[in-house]
């Protein structure tokens, strides 16, 4: 029995949110929200891939990055007396944050895998780097992404002999 390759599981880049690093945080919120709108909860996109001018992968913008970007005090402890208030999302400081480029909030790309790599190799990278999503490279270009939940499902099917 041969191991499946990542190219068999990849979500193509054309089906995954991606933007240039100079796009605003608000534009990222719009794109990520629209990308999720008609998807089932388990299929929803949770990150935006960020590219430079030459379409090289520059970073990843997660939902956590976005929320912390909109309201930087999210990193403060509630035990320190910080009160969470819905209207704070619509105040002037939050609106100013939404206008900033996503490059100020994105996380660096910690790992990638090749489209010809096997599922076990990808799962090892995901576990060791604590990642739920990995960019899949086809040479120097991003082919798409692979999610831990999809890799796990395929590994589980193989273990069960299905």
N, C-alpha and C. Protein backbone atom coordinates (compact mmCIF):
# COMPACT_ATOMS: atom_id res chain seq x y z
N UNK A 1 0.85 -1.17 0.00
CA UNK A 1 0.00 0.00 0.00
C UNK A 1 0.90 1.25 0.00
N UNK A 2 0.66 2.15 -0.94
CA UNK A 2 1.49 3.35 -1.03
C UNK A 2 0.83 4.52 -0.30
N UNK A 3 1.69 5.35 0.24
CA UNK A 3 1.21 6.50 1.00
C UNK A 3 0.70 7.59 0.06
N UNK A 4 -0.41 8.21 0.42
CA UNK A 4 -0.93 9.33 -0.34
C UNK A 4 0.04 10.49 -0.24
N UNK A 5 0.06 11.28 -1.26
CA UNK A 5 0.89 12.48 -1.30
C UNK A 5 0.03 13.71 -1.02
N UNK A 6 0.68 14.76 -0.58
CA UNK A 6 -0.04 15.98 -0.24
C UNK A 6 -0.79 16.56 -1.43
N UNK A 7 -0.25 16.35 -2.64
CA UNK A 7 -0.93 16.88 -3.82
C UNK A 7 -2.35 16.30 -3.95
N UNK A 8 -2.60 15.15 -3.30
CA UNK A 8 -3.94 14.54 -3.32
C UNK A 8 -4.90 15.22 -2.34
N UNK A 9 -4.38 15.97 -1.38
CA UNK A 9 -5.20 16.60 -0.34
C UNK A 9 -5.19 18.12 -0.37
N UNK A 10 -4.35 18.71 -1.17
CA UNK A 10 -4.16 20.15 -1.12
C UNK A 10 -5.45 20.90 -1.48
N UNK A 11 -5.70 21.96 -0.73
CA UNK A 11 -6.75 22.91 -1.09
C UNK A 11 -6.04 23.92 -1.99
N UNK A 12 -6.43 24.00 -3.26
CA UNK A 12 -5.70 24.87 -4.19
C UNK A 12 -5.72 26.33 -3.74
N UNK A 13 -4.66 27.05 -4.07
CA UNK A 13 -4.55 28.45 -3.71
C UNK A 13 -5.75 29.25 -4.22
N UNK A 14 -6.28 28.87 -5.38
CA UNK A 14 -7.43 29.59 -5.95
C UNK A 14 -8.67 29.47 -5.07
N UNK A 15 -8.70 28.49 -4.17
CA UNK A 15 -9.84 28.27 -3.29
C UNK A 15 -9.54 28.68 -1.85
N UNK A 16 -8.44 29.38 -1.65
CA UNK A 16 -8.06 29.77 -0.29
C UNK A 16 -7.77 31.26 -0.25
N UNK A 17 -8.23 31.97 0.79
CA UNK A 17 -8.00 33.41 0.86
C UNK A 17 -6.51 33.76 0.84
N UNK A 18 -6.16 34.70 -0.02
CA UNK A 18 -4.79 35.18 -0.07
C UNK A 18 -4.80 36.63 -0.56
N UNK A 19 -3.83 37.39 -0.04
CA UNK A 19 -3.80 38.82 -0.30
C UNK A 19 -2.35 39.32 -0.32
N UNK A 20 -2.15 40.52 -0.89
CA UNK A 20 -0.82 41.14 -0.79
C UNK A 20 -0.61 41.74 0.59
N UNK A 21 0.62 41.83 1.01
CA UNK A 21 0.96 42.28 2.36
C UNK A 21 0.53 43.71 2.65
N UNK A 22 0.30 44.52 1.63
CA UNK A 22 -0.10 45.91 1.85
C UNK A 22 -1.61 46.09 2.00
N UNK A 23 -2.39 45.02 1.81
CA UNK A 23 -3.85 45.11 2.00
C UNK A 23 -4.14 45.48 3.45
N UNK A 24 -5.27 46.12 3.66
CA UNK A 24 -5.62 46.55 5.02
C UNK A 24 -6.19 45.39 5.83
N UNK A 25 -6.14 45.56 7.13
CA UNK A 25 -6.73 44.57 8.03
C UNK A 25 -8.22 44.44 7.76
N UNK A 26 -8.87 45.54 7.46
CA UNK A 26 -10.31 45.49 7.14
C UNK A 26 -10.55 44.67 5.88
N UNK A 27 -9.71 44.84 4.86
CA UNK A 27 -9.85 44.05 3.63
C UNK A 27 -9.69 42.56 3.93
N UNK A 28 -8.80 42.23 4.84
CA UNK A 28 -8.60 40.83 5.23
C UNK A 28 -9.84 40.29 5.93
N UNK A 29 -10.43 41.09 6.80
CA UNK A 29 -11.66 40.67 7.48
C UNK A 29 -12.75 40.40 6.45
N UNK A 30 -12.89 41.30 5.48
CA UNK A 30 -13.91 41.14 4.44
C UNK A 30 -13.65 39.87 3.64
N UNK A 31 -12.42 39.69 3.19
CA UNK A 31 -12.11 38.51 2.37
C UNK A 31 -12.32 37.21 3.13
N UNK A 32 -11.86 37.16 4.36
CA UNK A 32 -12.00 35.94 5.15
C UNK A 32 -13.46 35.65 5.47
N UNK A 33 -14.22 36.68 5.76
CA UNK A 33 -15.64 36.51 6.05
C UNK A 33 -16.39 36.01 4.81
N UNK A 34 -16.14 36.62 3.67
CA UNK A 34 -16.81 36.20 2.43
C UNK A 34 -16.40 34.79 2.02
N UNK A 35 -15.14 34.43 2.26
CA UNK A 35 -14.66 33.08 1.91
C UNK A 35 -15.37 32.01 2.75
N UNK A 36 -15.85 32.37 3.91
CA UNK A 36 -16.49 31.42 4.82
C UNK A 36 -18.01 31.35 4.66
N UNK A 37 -18.57 32.37 4.05
CA UNK A 37 -20.01 32.60 4.07
C UNK A 37 -20.85 31.37 3.71
N UNK A 38 -20.54 30.71 2.63
CA UNK A 38 -21.37 29.60 2.17
C UNK A 38 -20.76 28.23 2.46
N UNK A 39 -19.84 28.17 3.40
CA UNK A 39 -19.17 26.90 3.72
C UNK A 39 -19.71 26.32 5.01
N UNK A 40 -19.66 25.01 5.09
CA UNK A 40 -20.01 24.33 6.34
C UNK A 40 -18.95 24.67 7.38
N UNK A 41 -19.30 24.66 8.68
CA UNK A 41 -18.33 25.04 9.72
C UNK A 41 -16.99 24.32 9.62
N UNK A 42 -16.96 23.05 9.31
CA UNK A 42 -15.71 22.31 9.24
C UNK A 42 -14.87 22.63 8.01
N UNK A 43 -15.46 23.30 7.03
CA UNK A 43 -14.76 23.63 5.81
C UNK A 43 -14.30 25.09 5.76
N UNK A 44 -14.70 25.88 6.73
CA UNK A 44 -14.42 27.31 6.71
C UNK A 44 -12.93 27.61 6.75
N UNK A 45 -12.57 28.68 6.10
CA UNK A 45 -11.18 29.15 6.06
C UNK A 45 -10.91 29.97 7.30
N UNK A 46 -9.76 29.76 7.90
CA UNK A 46 -9.43 30.43 9.15
C UNK A 46 -8.20 31.31 9.06
N UNK A 47 -7.56 31.32 7.90
CA UNK A 47 -6.35 32.10 7.72
C UNK A 47 -6.33 32.74 6.33
N UNK A 48 -5.51 33.75 6.19
CA UNK A 48 -5.25 34.39 4.91
C UNK A 48 -3.76 34.22 4.63
N UNK A 49 -3.42 33.73 3.45
CA UNK A 49 -2.03 33.65 3.05
C UNK A 49 -1.62 35.03 2.53
N UNK A 50 -0.44 35.49 2.92
CA UNK A 50 0.02 36.84 2.58
C UNK A 50 1.22 36.73 1.63
N UNK A 51 1.16 37.47 0.52
CA UNK A 51 2.19 37.41 -0.51
C UNK A 51 2.85 38.76 -0.74
N UNK A 52 4.07 38.72 -1.29
CA UNK A 52 4.76 39.95 -1.66
C UNK A 52 4.47 40.26 -3.13
N UNK A 53 5.16 41.28 -3.67
CA UNK A 53 4.93 41.73 -5.05
C UNK A 53 5.22 40.65 -6.08
N UNK A 54 6.17 39.78 -5.80
CA UNK A 54 6.55 38.72 -6.72
C UNK A 54 5.75 37.44 -6.49
N UNK A 55 4.69 37.53 -5.69
CA UNK A 55 3.82 36.41 -5.35
C UNK A 55 4.55 35.30 -4.61
N UNK A 56 5.52 35.71 -3.79
CA UNK A 56 6.19 34.79 -2.88
C UNK A 56 5.48 34.87 -1.54
N UNK A 57 5.34 33.74 -0.88
CA UNK A 57 4.67 33.68 0.40
C UNK A 57 5.47 34.46 1.43
N UNK A 58 4.80 35.41 2.07
CA UNK A 58 5.47 36.30 3.02
C UNK A 58 5.04 36.02 4.45
N UNK A 59 3.80 35.56 4.66
CA UNK A 59 3.31 35.31 6.01
C UNK A 59 1.91 34.73 5.99
N UNK A 60 1.40 34.54 7.20
CA UNK A 60 0.05 34.00 7.38
C UNK A 60 -0.68 34.89 8.38
N UNK A 61 -1.89 35.25 8.03
CA UNK A 61 -2.71 36.08 8.91
C UNK A 61 -3.84 35.19 9.44
N UNK A 62 -3.81 34.93 10.74
CA UNK A 62 -4.81 34.07 11.36
C UNK A 62 -5.96 34.91 11.93
N UNK A 63 -7.03 34.24 12.31
CA UNK A 63 -8.14 34.93 12.97
C UNK A 63 -7.64 35.57 14.27
N UNK A 64 -6.77 34.90 14.95
CA UNK A 64 -6.19 35.43 16.19
C UNK A 64 -5.40 36.71 15.91
N UNK A 65 -4.58 36.70 14.84
CA UNK A 65 -3.84 37.90 14.45
C UNK A 65 -4.79 39.06 14.17
N UNK A 66 -5.88 38.76 13.49
CA UNK A 66 -6.86 39.79 13.12
C UNK A 66 -7.51 40.38 14.37
N UNK A 67 -7.99 39.53 15.25
CA UNK A 67 -8.67 40.02 16.45
C UNK A 67 -7.73 40.83 17.34
N UNK A 68 -6.51 40.35 17.49
CA UNK A 68 -5.53 41.11 18.29
C UNK A 68 -5.16 42.41 17.59
N UNK A 69 -5.21 42.42 16.28
CA UNK A 69 -4.92 43.64 15.53
C UNK A 69 -6.02 44.67 15.70
N UNK A 70 -7.26 44.23 15.65
CA UNK A 70 -8.38 45.15 15.80
C UNK A 70 -8.42 45.73 17.20
N UNK A 71 -8.18 44.88 18.19
CA UNK A 71 -8.26 45.31 19.58
C UNK A 71 -7.02 44.81 20.31
N UNK A 72 -5.93 45.58 20.27
CA UNK A 72 -4.66 45.13 20.86
C UNK A 72 -4.77 44.76 22.34
N UNK A 73 -5.75 45.29 23.04
CA UNK A 73 -5.87 44.97 24.47
C UNK A 73 -6.34 43.53 24.70
N UNK A 74 -6.66 42.81 23.62
CA UNK A 74 -7.04 41.41 23.80
C UNK A 74 -5.92 40.61 24.45
N UNK A 75 -4.70 41.09 24.31
CA UNK A 75 -3.58 40.37 24.92
C UNK A 75 -3.46 40.66 26.41
N UNK A 76 -4.22 41.64 26.90
CA UNK A 76 -4.21 41.93 28.33
C UNK A 76 -5.08 40.93 29.07
N UNK A 77 -4.73 40.69 30.28
CA UNK A 77 -5.46 39.72 31.09
C UNK A 77 -6.75 40.33 31.63
N UNK A 78 -7.82 39.58 31.57
CA UNK A 78 -9.07 40.03 32.17
C UNK A 78 -8.92 40.18 33.68
N UNK A 79 -7.98 39.42 34.24
CA UNK A 79 -7.74 39.50 35.68
C UNK A 79 -7.14 40.86 36.06
N UNK A 80 -6.52 41.54 35.09
CA UNK A 80 -5.93 42.85 35.36
C UNK A 80 -6.97 43.96 35.34
N UNK A 81 -8.24 43.62 35.17
CA UNK A 81 -9.31 44.60 35.21
C UNK A 81 -9.77 45.10 33.85
N UNK A 82 -9.27 44.55 32.78
CA UNK A 82 -9.70 44.96 31.45
C UNK A 82 -11.12 44.48 31.20
N UNK A 83 -11.98 45.38 30.80
CA UNK A 83 -13.37 45.05 30.52
C UNK A 83 -13.55 44.93 29.01
N UNK A 84 -14.16 43.86 28.58
CA UNK A 84 -14.44 43.63 27.17
C UNK A 84 -15.81 44.24 26.86
N UNK A 85 -15.85 45.11 25.85
CA UNK A 85 -17.10 45.78 25.48
C UNK A 85 -17.23 45.77 23.96
N UNK A 86 -18.34 45.27 23.47
CA UNK A 86 -18.61 45.14 22.04
C UNK A 86 -18.39 46.46 21.30
N UNK A 87 -18.84 47.55 21.88
CA UNK A 87 -18.75 48.84 21.19
C UNK A 87 -17.31 49.27 20.95
N UNK A 88 -16.36 48.70 21.67
CA UNK A 88 -14.95 49.03 21.45
C UNK A 88 -14.48 48.67 20.04
N UNK A 89 -15.14 47.68 19.42
CA UNK A 89 -14.77 47.30 18.06
C UNK A 89 -15.08 48.39 17.04
N UNK A 90 -15.93 49.33 17.41
CA UNK A 90 -16.39 50.36 16.48
C UNK A 90 -15.86 51.74 16.83
N UNK A 91 -14.97 51.82 17.81
CA UNK A 91 -14.43 53.12 18.20
C UNK A 91 -13.29 53.54 17.27
N UNK A 92 -12.84 54.76 17.42
CA UNK A 92 -11.81 55.33 16.56
C UNK A 92 -10.51 54.52 16.56
N UNK A 93 -9.99 54.13 17.73
CA UNK A 93 -8.74 53.34 17.69
C UNK A 93 -8.87 52.03 16.89
N UNK A 94 -9.99 51.34 17.03
CA UNK A 94 -10.17 50.10 16.28
C UNK A 94 -10.28 50.37 14.78
N UNK A 95 -10.95 51.45 14.41
CA UNK A 95 -11.06 51.82 13.00
C UNK A 95 -9.69 52.17 12.42
N UNK A 96 -8.85 52.80 13.21
CA UNK A 96 -7.49 53.10 12.78
C UNK A 96 -6.69 51.82 12.59
N UNK A 97 -6.87 50.87 13.48
CA UNK A 97 -6.19 49.58 13.37
C UNK A 97 -6.61 48.86 12.08
N UNK A 98 -7.90 48.90 11.77
CA UNK A 98 -8.42 48.23 10.57
C UNK A 98 -7.85 48.80 9.28
N UNK A 99 -7.39 50.04 9.31
CA UNK A 99 -6.82 50.67 8.13
C UNK A 99 -5.35 50.31 7.91
N UNK A 100 -4.71 49.72 8.90
CA UNK A 100 -3.29 49.38 8.79
C UNK A 100 -3.07 48.17 7.89
N UNK A 101 -1.87 48.04 7.29
CA UNK A 101 -1.59 46.89 6.42
C UNK A 101 -1.46 45.59 7.23
N UNK A 102 -1.86 44.52 6.60
CA UNK A 102 -1.83 43.22 7.28
C UNK A 102 -0.41 42.77 7.61
N UNK A 103 0.57 43.34 6.95
CA UNK A 103 1.96 42.97 7.26
C UNK A 103 2.32 43.31 8.70
N UNK A 104 1.61 44.24 9.32
CA UNK A 104 1.87 44.59 10.71
C UNK A 104 1.34 43.55 11.69
N UNK A 105 0.48 42.66 11.23
CA UNK A 105 -0.19 41.73 12.14
C UNK A 105 0.06 40.26 11.81
N UNK A 106 0.56 39.97 10.63
CA UNK A 106 0.72 38.58 10.20
C UNK A 106 1.80 37.87 11.00
N UNK A 107 1.74 36.54 10.94
CA UNK A 107 2.76 35.69 11.55
C UNK A 107 3.69 35.21 10.44
N UNK A 108 4.94 34.95 10.77
CA UNK A 108 5.84 34.42 9.74
C UNK A 108 5.45 32.99 9.37
N UNK A 109 5.85 32.58 8.20
CA UNK A 109 5.65 31.20 7.76
C UNK A 109 6.70 30.37 8.47
N UNK A 110 6.25 29.45 9.33
CA UNK A 110 7.20 28.66 10.11
C UNK A 110 7.64 27.39 9.39
N UNK A 111 6.83 26.93 8.46
CA UNK A 111 7.17 25.69 7.75
C UNK A 111 6.34 25.59 6.49
N UNK A 112 6.86 24.87 5.53
CA UNK A 112 6.12 24.52 4.32
C UNK A 112 6.43 23.06 4.02
N UNK A 113 5.65 22.49 3.14
CA UNK A 113 5.89 21.13 2.66
C UNK A 113 5.79 21.13 1.14
N UNK A 114 6.31 20.09 0.53
CA UNK A 114 6.28 19.97 -0.93
C UNK A 114 5.09 19.11 -1.35
N UNK A 115 4.53 19.41 -2.50
CA UNK A 115 3.34 18.69 -2.95
C UNK A 115 3.60 17.19 -3.10
N UNK A 116 4.84 16.79 -3.33
CA UNK A 116 5.16 15.37 -3.46
C UNK A 116 5.44 14.68 -2.14
N UNK A 117 5.44 15.42 -1.03
CA UNK A 117 5.67 14.83 0.28
C UNK A 117 4.50 13.94 0.68
N UNK A 118 4.79 12.98 1.55
CA UNK A 118 3.75 12.10 2.05
C UNK A 118 3.02 12.69 3.24
N UNK A 119 1.89 12.07 3.57
CA UNK A 119 1.06 12.55 4.67
C UNK A 119 1.76 12.45 6.02
N UNK A 120 2.51 11.39 6.21
CA UNK A 120 3.19 11.21 7.48
C UNK A 120 4.25 12.30 7.70
N UNK A 121 4.95 12.65 6.64
CA UNK A 121 5.94 13.73 6.74
C UNK A 121 5.26 15.05 7.09
N UNK A 122 4.13 15.33 6.45
CA UNK A 122 3.39 16.56 6.74
C UNK A 122 2.87 16.56 8.17
N UNK A 123 2.36 15.43 8.62
CA UNK A 123 1.84 15.37 9.98
C UNK A 123 2.97 15.58 10.99
N UNK A 124 4.15 15.08 10.69
CA UNK A 124 5.29 15.29 11.58
C UNK A 124 5.62 16.78 11.69
N UNK A 125 5.64 17.48 10.56
CA UNK A 125 5.91 18.93 10.57
C UNK A 125 4.82 19.65 11.34
N UNK A 126 3.57 19.28 11.11
CA UNK A 126 2.45 19.95 11.78
C UNK A 126 2.51 19.76 13.29
N UNK A 127 2.84 18.56 13.72
CA UNK A 127 2.92 18.28 15.16
C UNK A 127 4.12 18.98 15.78
N UNK A 128 5.28 18.86 15.16
CA UNK A 128 6.48 19.46 15.75
C UNK A 128 6.41 20.99 15.77
N UNK A 129 5.75 21.60 14.79
CA UNK A 129 5.64 23.07 14.73
C UNK A 129 4.33 23.59 15.32
N UNK A 130 3.48 22.68 15.78
CA UNK A 130 2.16 23.05 16.34
C UNK A 130 1.34 23.89 15.37
N UNK A 131 1.16 23.34 14.16
CA UNK A 131 0.43 24.03 13.10
C UNK A 131 -0.79 23.21 12.69
N UNK A 132 -1.84 23.89 12.40
CA UNK A 132 -3.04 23.24 11.89
C UNK A 132 -3.18 23.37 10.39
N UNK A 133 -2.28 24.16 9.80
CA UNK A 133 -2.34 24.44 8.37
C UNK A 133 -0.92 24.61 7.86
N UNK A 134 -0.64 24.04 6.71
CA UNK A 134 0.69 24.16 6.11
C UNK A 134 0.57 24.58 4.65
N UNK A 135 1.35 25.55 4.22
CA UNK A 135 1.43 25.85 2.80
C UNK A 135 2.11 24.69 2.08
N UNK A 136 1.58 24.35 0.92
CA UNK A 136 2.12 23.27 0.11
C UNK A 136 2.77 23.91 -1.12
N UNK A 137 4.05 23.62 -1.30
CA UNK A 137 4.82 24.22 -2.37
C UNK A 137 4.95 23.27 -3.55
N UNK A 138 4.88 23.85 -4.74
CA UNK A 138 5.14 23.12 -5.98
C UNK A 138 6.30 23.86 -6.62
N UNK A 139 7.51 23.43 -6.31
CA UNK A 139 8.69 24.17 -6.69
C UNK A 139 8.78 25.43 -5.84
N UNK A 140 8.85 26.58 -6.48
CA UNK A 140 8.93 27.86 -5.76
C UNK A 140 7.56 28.49 -5.56
N UNK A 141 6.52 27.89 -6.12
CA UNK A 141 5.18 28.47 -6.06
C UNK A 141 4.32 27.75 -5.01
N UNK A 142 3.41 28.51 -4.40
CA UNK A 142 2.47 27.92 -3.46
C UNK A 142 1.34 27.26 -4.24
N UNK A 143 1.20 25.95 -4.09
CA UNK A 143 0.12 25.22 -4.76
C UNK A 143 -1.19 25.39 -4.00
N UNK A 144 -1.09 25.51 -2.69
CA UNK A 144 -2.26 25.63 -1.84
C UNK A 144 -1.88 25.34 -0.41
N UNK A 145 -2.83 24.81 0.34
CA UNK A 145 -2.59 24.48 1.74
C UNK A 145 -3.14 23.09 2.04
N UNK A 146 -2.63 22.53 3.12
CA UNK A 146 -3.16 21.28 3.64
C UNK A 146 -3.47 21.51 5.12
N UNK A 147 -4.60 20.95 5.56
CA UNK A 147 -5.02 21.13 6.95
C UNK A 147 -4.79 19.84 7.74
N UNK A 148 -4.46 20.01 9.01
CA UNK A 148 -4.22 18.87 9.89
C UNK A 148 -5.43 17.95 9.92
N UNK A 149 -6.63 18.50 9.97
CA UNK A 149 -7.83 17.66 10.04
C UNK A 149 -7.95 16.77 8.81
N UNK A 150 -7.54 17.24 7.64
CA UNK A 150 -7.61 16.41 6.43
C UNK A 150 -6.53 15.33 6.43
N UNK A 151 -5.32 15.70 6.89
CA UNK A 151 -4.23 14.73 6.98
C UNK A 151 -4.61 13.64 7.98
N UNK A 152 -5.13 14.04 9.14
CA UNK A 152 -5.53 13.07 10.16
C UNK A 152 -6.60 12.12 9.63
N UNK A 153 -7.59 12.66 8.94
CA UNK A 153 -8.66 11.82 8.40
C UNK A 153 -8.11 10.76 7.44
N UNK A 154 -7.22 11.17 6.55
CA UNK A 154 -6.64 10.22 5.59
C UNK A 154 -5.76 9.19 6.28
N UNK A 155 -4.99 9.62 7.28
CA UNK A 155 -4.17 8.67 8.03
C UNK A 155 -5.08 7.67 8.78
N UNK A 156 -6.16 8.19 9.35
CA UNK A 156 -7.10 7.34 10.06
C UNK A 156 -7.72 6.31 9.15
N UNK A 157 -8.13 6.73 7.95
CA UNK A 157 -8.70 5.78 6.99
C UNK A 157 -7.70 4.70 6.63
N UNK A 158 -6.43 5.09 6.45
CA UNK A 158 -5.41 4.10 6.13
C UNK A 158 -5.21 3.10 7.25
N UNK A 159 -5.17 3.61 8.49
CA UNK A 159 -5.01 2.72 9.65
C UNK A 159 -6.18 1.76 9.80
N UNK A 160 -7.36 2.21 9.43
CA UNK A 160 -8.55 1.37 9.54
C UNK A 160 -8.73 0.44 8.33
N UNK A 161 -7.84 0.61 7.33
CA UNK A 161 -7.91 -0.25 6.15
C UNK A 161 -9.01 0.12 5.20
N UNK A 162 -9.49 1.34 5.28
CA UNK A 162 -10.58 1.77 4.37
C UNK A 162 -10.05 2.31 3.08
